[in-house]
Amino acid sequence: QVKLVESGGRGVQAGDSLRLSCVASVVPFSTYGMGWFRQVPGKEREFLAAIAYTGNTFYADSVKGRFTVSRDDAKNTVYLQMNSLKPEDTALYYCGGRQWGNVYSLRLANDYGLWGQGTQVTVSS
């Protein structure tokens, strides 16, 4: 069964760092573009960062310079390193996957065919 499983979310203080992981049971993982999104109740899923199958990375302006996306194709895993966390970063964080993809499609939640169950990040002031 194809699935994505996120982990690493927890409660932290403002200014702390966290690394989220997403393990994908897709083959071959190297052909998949992977993205990170977050969602708070009552709002749409927000694009944060993505890494294409080529290794190119893309970021939302709101997290550029604080968040870093990376991938380890040998482990079928994509990561989101989050630094200088703020209370407004509190959300449910999701990883998404789609085969291939480009700088445009990887920013759009509707273009992803695979989603994880989400991992909660809570940042206290």
N, C-alpha and C. Protein backbone atom coordinates (compact mmCIF):
# COMPACT_ATOMS: atom_id res chain seq x y z
N GLN A 1 0.85 -1.19 0.00
CA GLN A 1 0.00 0.00 0.00
C GLN A 1 0.88 1.23 0.00
N VAL A 2 0.62 2.13 -0.94
CA VAL A 2 1.41 3.35 -1.03
C VAL A 2 0.98 4.30 0.07
N LYS A 3 1.94 4.80 0.82
CA LYS A 3 1.59 5.75 1.86
C LYS A 3 2.79 6.62 2.23
N LEU A 4 2.46 7.72 2.90
CA LEU A 4 3.46 8.64 3.44
C LEU A 4 3.24 8.71 4.95
N VAL A 5 4.31 8.70 5.71
CA VAL A 5 4.20 8.77 7.16
C VAL A 5 5.12 9.86 7.68
N GLU A 6 4.51 10.89 8.28
CA GLU A 6 5.28 11.99 8.85
C GLU A 6 5.59 11.70 10.32
N SER A 7 6.66 12.30 10.80
CA SER A 7 7.01 12.22 12.22
C SER A 7 7.86 13.42 12.58
N GLY A 8 8.04 13.62 13.90
CA GLY A 8 8.93 14.66 14.38
C GLY A 8 8.23 15.86 14.99
N GLY A 9 6.93 15.97 14.81
CA GLY A 9 6.22 17.11 15.38
C GLY A 9 6.07 16.97 16.89
N ARG A 10 6.14 18.09 17.58
CA ARG A 10 5.96 18.11 19.04
C ARG A 10 5.82 19.55 19.50
N GLY A 11 5.66 19.75 20.80
CA GLY A 11 5.58 21.07 21.38
C GLY A 11 6.97 21.63 21.67
N VAL A 12 7.23 22.87 21.24
CA VAL A 12 8.52 23.51 21.46
C VAL A 12 8.31 24.97 21.86
N GLN A 13 9.39 25.63 22.25
CA GLN A 13 9.36 27.04 22.57
C GLN A 13 9.74 27.87 21.36
N ALA A 14 9.28 29.12 21.33
CA ALA A 14 9.68 30.03 20.26
C ALA A 14 11.20 30.13 20.18
N GLY A 15 11.72 30.09 18.97
CA GLY A 15 13.16 30.14 18.77
C GLY A 15 13.82 28.78 18.63
N ASP A 16 13.10 27.73 19.01
CA ASP A 16 13.64 26.37 18.91
C ASP A 16 13.64 25.89 17.47
N SER A 17 14.27 24.74 17.27
CA SER A 17 14.32 24.09 15.96
C SER A 17 13.68 22.71 16.03
N LEU A 18 13.18 22.25 14.91
CA LEU A 18 12.60 20.92 14.79
C LEU A 18 12.93 20.38 13.40
N ARG A 19 13.06 19.05 13.31
CA ARG A 19 13.19 18.43 12.01
C ARG A 19 12.07 17.43 11.84
N LEU A 20 11.28 17.64 10.82
CA LEU A 20 10.22 16.70 10.47
C LEU A 20 10.74 15.72 9.42
N SER A 21 10.23 14.50 9.48
CA SER A 21 10.59 13.48 8.51
C SER A 21 9.33 12.93 7.88
N CYS A 22 9.47 12.47 6.66
CA CYS A 22 8.36 11.84 5.96
C CYS A 22 8.93 10.66 5.17
N VAL A 23 8.49 9.48 5.54
CA VAL A 23 8.93 8.27 4.86
C VAL A 23 7.86 7.86 3.86
N ALA A 24 8.29 7.61 2.63
CA ALA A 24 7.36 7.30 1.55
C ALA A 24 7.54 5.87 1.08
N SER A 25 6.45 5.15 1.00
CA SER A 25 6.51 3.77 0.49
C SER A 25 6.10 3.80 -0.98
N VAL A 26 6.87 4.53 -1.77
CA VAL A 26 6.62 4.61 -3.21
C VAL A 26 7.86 4.15 -3.93
N VAL A 27 7.66 3.58 -5.09
CA VAL A 27 8.78 3.08 -5.88
C VAL A 27 8.62 3.53 -7.32
N PRO A 28 9.66 4.11 -7.92
CA PRO A 28 10.89 4.53 -7.26
C PRO A 28 10.75 5.92 -6.67
N PHE A 29 11.16 6.07 -5.42
CA PHE A 29 11.04 7.36 -4.71
C PHE A 29 11.76 8.45 -5.46
N SER A 30 12.82 8.11 -6.16
CA SER A 30 13.63 9.11 -6.84
C SER A 30 12.88 9.84 -7.95
N THR A 31 11.73 9.33 -8.37
CA THR A 31 10.94 9.98 -9.41
C THR A 31 9.85 10.88 -8.82
N TYR A 32 9.79 10.97 -7.51
CA TYR A 32 8.73 11.73 -6.86
C TYR A 32 9.20 13.10 -6.39
N GLY A 33 8.37 14.11 -6.70
CA GLY A 33 8.54 15.40 -6.06
C GLY A 33 7.79 15.37 -4.74
N MET A 34 8.39 15.95 -3.71
CA MET A 34 7.82 15.90 -2.37
C MET A 34 7.67 17.31 -1.83
N GLY A 35 6.55 17.55 -1.17
CA GLY A 35 6.30 18.88 -0.63
C GLY A 35 5.87 18.84 0.82
N TRP A 36 6.07 19.95 1.49
CA TRP A 36 5.60 20.13 2.86
C TRP A 36 4.57 21.25 2.88
N PHE A 37 3.48 20.98 3.55
CA PHE A 37 2.39 21.93 3.71
C PHE A 37 2.01 21.96 5.18
N ARG A 38 1.25 22.97 5.57
CA ARG A 38 0.70 22.99 6.92
C ARG A 38 -0.72 23.54 6.87
N GLN A 39 -1.46 23.22 7.90
CA GLN A 39 -2.85 23.63 7.94
C GLN A 39 -3.27 23.89 9.37
N VAL A 40 -4.00 24.97 9.55
CA VAL A 40 -4.64 25.27 10.83
C VAL A 40 -6.13 25.21 10.61
N PRO A 41 -6.89 24.95 11.66
CA PRO A 41 -8.35 24.83 11.51
C PRO A 41 -8.96 26.06 10.86
N GLY A 42 -9.83 25.82 9.90
CA GLY A 42 -10.54 26.90 9.24
C GLY A 42 -9.79 27.55 8.10
N LYS A 43 -8.56 27.08 7.83
CA LYS A 43 -7.78 27.66 6.73
C LYS A 43 -7.38 26.58 5.74
N GLU A 44 -7.02 27.01 4.54
CA GLU A 44 -6.58 26.08 3.52
C GLU A 44 -5.16 25.60 3.82
N ARG A 45 -4.85 24.48 3.22
CA ARG A 45 -3.50 23.93 3.36
C ARG A 45 -2.50 24.89 2.69
N GLU A 46 -1.47 25.24 3.44
CA GLU A 46 -0.50 26.24 3.00
C GLU A 46 0.79 25.59 2.54
N PHE A 47 1.25 25.94 1.35
CA PHE A 47 2.52 25.45 0.84
C PHE A 47 3.68 26.05 1.64
N LEU A 48 4.65 25.20 1.97
CA LEU A 48 5.84 25.67 2.69
C LEU A 48 7.10 25.48 1.86
N ALA A 49 7.32 24.26 1.41
CA ALA A 49 8.56 23.93 0.72
C ALA A 49 8.37 22.66 -0.08
N ALA A 50 9.17 22.52 -1.13
CA ALA A 50 9.12 21.31 -1.94
C ALA A 50 10.50 21.02 -2.49
N ILE A 51 10.70 19.74 -2.76
CA ILE A 51 11.94 19.32 -3.41
C ILE A 51 11.57 18.42 -4.57
N ALA A 52 12.02 18.81 -5.75
CA ALA A 52 11.70 18.05 -6.95
C ALA A 52 12.52 16.77 -7.03
N TYR A 53 12.13 15.91 -7.96
CA TYR A 53 12.89 14.66 -8.14
C TYR A 53 14.32 14.98 -8.59
N THR A 54 14.51 16.17 -9.14
CA THR A 54 15.84 16.61 -9.58
C THR A 54 16.70 17.09 -8.41
N GLY A 55 16.05 17.33 -7.28
CA GLY A 55 16.76 17.90 -6.13
C GLY A 55 16.60 19.40 -6.01
N ASN A 56 15.98 20.03 -7.00
CA ASN A 56 15.70 21.47 -6.89
C ASN A 56 14.72 21.72 -5.76
N THR A 57 14.92 22.81 -5.05
CA THR A 57 14.07 23.14 -3.91
C THR A 57 13.34 24.45 -4.13
N PHE A 58 12.14 24.55 -3.52
CA PHE A 58 11.32 25.75 -3.66
C PHE A 58 10.70 26.04 -2.29
N TYR A 59 10.55 27.33 -1.97
CA TYR A 59 10.05 27.72 -0.66
C TYR A 59 9.00 28.81 -0.78
N ALA A 60 8.08 28.80 0.17
CA ALA A 60 7.18 29.93 0.33
C ALA A 60 7.97 31.08 0.95
N ASP A 61 7.60 32.28 0.60
CA ASP A 61 8.30 33.45 1.14
C ASP A 61 8.24 33.48 2.67
N SER A 62 7.16 32.96 3.22
CA SER A 62 6.95 33.04 4.67
C SER A 62 7.96 32.20 5.46
N VAL A 63 8.60 31.23 4.81
CA VAL A 63 9.53 30.36 5.54
C VAL A 63 10.94 30.38 4.95
N LYS A 64 11.13 31.09 3.86
CA LYS A 64 12.44 31.13 3.21
C LYS A 64 13.47 31.67 4.18
N GLY A 65 14.57 30.97 4.30
CA GLY A 65 15.63 31.36 5.22
C GLY A 65 15.50 30.72 6.59
N ARG A 66 14.33 30.20 6.94
CA ARG A 66 14.14 29.52 8.23
C ARG A 66 13.96 28.02 8.07
N PHE A 67 13.31 27.61 6.99
CA PHE A 67 13.02 26.19 6.76
C PHE A 67 13.89 25.69 5.61
N THR A 68 14.30 24.43 5.72
CA THR A 68 15.09 23.79 4.67
C THR A 68 14.53 22.41 4.39
N VAL A 69 14.26 22.14 3.12
CA VAL A 69 13.77 20.83 2.72
C VAL A 69 14.93 20.06 2.09
N SER A 70 14.96 18.76 2.38
CA SER A 70 16.00 17.90 1.80
C SER A 70 15.42 16.51 1.64
N ARG A 71 16.14 15.68 0.91
CA ARG A 71 15.67 14.31 0.68
C ARG A 71 16.84 13.34 0.71
N ASP A 72 16.54 12.12 1.12
CA ASP A 72 17.50 11.02 1.08
C ASP A 72 16.83 9.89 0.32
N ASP A 73 17.16 9.77 -0.96
CA ASP A 73 16.49 8.79 -1.79
C ASP A 73 16.81 7.36 -1.36
N ALA A 74 17.95 7.16 -0.74
CA ALA A 74 18.29 5.81 -0.27
C ALA A 74 17.38 5.37 0.87
N LYS A 75 16.81 6.36 1.59
CA LYS A 75 15.93 6.05 2.72
C LYS A 75 14.46 6.36 2.42
N ASN A 76 14.18 6.74 1.17
CA ASN A 76 12.80 7.10 0.79
C ASN A 76 12.22 8.14 1.74
N THR A 77 13.03 9.11 2.10
CA THR A 77 12.64 10.07 3.14
C THR A 77 12.89 11.49 2.69
N VAL A 78 11.95 12.36 3.05
CA VAL A 78 12.11 13.80 2.86
C VAL A 78 12.05 14.44 4.23
N TYR A 79 12.83 15.50 4.39
CA TYR A 79 12.94 16.18 5.69
C TYR A 79 12.54 17.64 5.56
N LEU A 80 12.10 18.20 6.67
CA LEU A 80 11.90 19.64 6.76
C LEU A 80 12.57 20.12 8.03
N GLN A 81 13.67 20.81 7.88
CA GLN A 81 14.37 21.41 9.02
C GLN A 81 13.78 22.78 9.26
N MET A 82 13.29 23.00 10.46
CA MET A 82 12.63 24.26 10.80
C MET A 82 13.40 24.93 11.92
N ASN A 83 13.90 26.12 11.67
CA ASN A 83 14.65 26.89 12.65
C ASN A 83 13.90 28.15 13.03
N SER A 84 14.29 28.72 14.17
CA SER A 84 13.70 29.98 14.65
C SER A 84 12.18 29.93 14.62
N LEU A 85 11.65 28.89 15.21
CA LEU A 85 10.21 28.70 15.16
C LEU A 85 9.47 29.80 15.91
N LYS A 86 8.30 30.13 15.40
CA LYS A 86 7.46 31.18 15.96
C LYS A 86 6.10 30.59 16.34
N PRO A 87 5.40 31.24 17.25
CA PRO A 87 4.06 30.73 17.59
C PRO A 87 3.14 30.58 16.38
N GLU A 88 3.30 31.45 15.39
CA GLU A 88 2.45 31.36 14.20
C GLU A 88 2.80 30.17 13.31
N ASP A 89 3.86 29.45 13.63
CA ASP A 89 4.19 28.22 12.91
C ASP A 89 3.38 27.03 13.45
N THR A 90 2.62 27.25 14.50
CA THR A 90 1.79 26.18 15.06
C THR A 90 0.76 25.72 14.04
N ALA A 91 0.77 24.43 13.73
CA ALA A 91 -0.11 23.87 12.69
C ALA A 91 0.07 22.37 12.63
N LEU A 92 -0.76 21.75 11.84
CA LEU A 92 -0.59 20.35 11.47
C LEU A 92 0.20 20.33 10.17
N TYR A 93 1.33 19.66 10.19
CA TYR A 93 2.24 19.65 9.05
C TYR A 93 2.08 18.35 8.27
N TYR A 94 1.93 18.49 6.95
CA TYR A 94 1.73 17.36 6.06
C TYR A 94 2.85 17.29 5.03
N CYS A 95 3.20 16.08 4.66
CA CYS A 95 4.01 15.94 3.46
C CYS A 95 3.14 15.35 2.35
N GLY A 96 3.43 15.78 1.15
CA GLY A 96 2.72 15.30 -0.03
C GLY A 96 3.71 14.78 -1.05
N GLY A 97 3.23 13.90 -1.90
CA GLY A 97 4.09 13.35 -2.94
C GLY A 97 3.36 13.25 -4.26
N ARG A 98 4.10 13.49 -5.33
CA ARG A 98 3.57 13.30 -6.66
C ARG A 98 4.72 12.94 -7.57
N GLN A 99 4.43 12.11 -8.53
CA GLN A 99 5.50 11.72 -9.43
C GLN A 99 5.84 12.87 -10.36
N TRP A 100 7.16 13.05 -10.54
CA TRP A 100 7.70 14.13 -11.36
C TRP A 100 7.32 15.47 -10.74
N GLY A 101 6.64 16.35 -11.42
CA GLY A 101 6.31 17.66 -10.90
C GLY A 101 7.37 18.69 -11.26
N ASN A 102 7.01 19.95 -11.12
CA ASN A 102 7.93 21.04 -11.46
C ASN A 102 7.72 22.20 -10.49
N VAL A 103 8.43 23.29 -10.73
CA VAL A 103 8.41 24.43 -9.82
C VAL A 103 7.01 24.98 -9.64
N TYR A 104 6.14 24.80 -10.62
CA TYR A 104 4.77 25.30 -10.49
C TYR A 104 3.88 24.30 -9.77
N SER A 105 3.85 23.08 -10.25
CA SER A 105 2.91 22.08 -9.71
C SER A 105 3.24 21.70 -8.27
N LEU A 106 4.48 21.72 -7.90
CA LEU A 106 4.84 21.31 -6.55
C LEU A 106 4.41 22.31 -5.49
N ARG A 107 3.97 23.48 -5.89
CA ARG A 107 3.46 24.47 -4.93
C ARG A 107 1.96 24.32 -4.69
N LEU A 108 1.29 23.46 -5.49
CA LEU A 108 -0.16 23.39 -5.46
C LEU A 108 -0.61 22.11 -4.77
N ALA A 109 -1.33 22.26 -3.66
CA ALA A 109 -1.79 21.10 -2.90
C ALA A 109 -2.65 20.18 -3.77
N ASN A 110 -3.45 20.75 -4.65
CA ASN A 110 -4.36 19.95 -5.46
C ASN A 110 -3.62 19.08 -6.47
N ASP A 111 -2.34 19.35 -6.71
CA ASP A 111 -1.58 18.57 -7.68
C ASP A 111 -0.93 17.33 -7.07
N TYR A 112 -1.07 17.17 -5.76
CA TYR A 112 -0.45 16.02 -5.09
C TYR A 112 -1.46 14.87 -5.00
N GLY A 113 -0.97 13.67 -5.30
CA GLY A 113 -1.83 12.50 -5.22
C GLY A 113 -1.69 11.73 -3.93
N LEU A 114 -0.60 11.98 -3.21
CA LEU A 114 -0.34 11.25 -1.97
C LEU A 114 -0.17 12.24 -0.82
N TRP A 115 -0.73 11.88 0.33
CA TRP A 115 -0.60 12.70 1.54
C TRP A 115 -0.38 11.80 2.74
N GLY A 116 0.37 12.33 3.70
CA GLY A 116 0.49 11.66 4.97
C GLY A 116 -0.64 12.06 5.90
N GLN A 117 -0.59 11.56 7.12
CA GLN A 117 -1.65 11.82 8.08
C GLN A 117 -1.41 13.12 8.85
N GLY A 118 -0.22 13.67 8.74
CA GLY A 118 0.11 14.93 9.42
C GLY A 118 0.79 14.71 10.75
N THR A 119 1.60 15.69 11.14
CA THR A 119 2.26 15.68 12.44
C THR A 119 2.12 17.08 13.04
N GLN A 120 1.72 17.14 14.30
CA GLN A 120 1.39 18.42 14.94
C GLN A 120 2.64 19.10 15.46
N VAL A 121 2.77 20.37 15.10
CA VAL A 121 3.82 21.23 15.65
C VAL A 121 3.15 22.35 16.43
N THR A 122 3.53 22.50 17.68
CA THR A 122 2.99 23.55 18.53
C THR A 122 4.14 24.36 19.09
N VAL A 123 4.11 25.68 18.83
CA VAL A 123 5.19 26.57 19.27
C VAL A 123 4.62 27.53 20.30
N SER A 124 5.18 27.49 21.48
CA SER A 124 4.73 28.34 22.57
C SER A 124 5.63 29.56 22.70
N SER A 125 5.02 30.68 23.07
CA SER A 125 5.81 31.92 23.23
C SER A 125 6.45 31.99 24.60
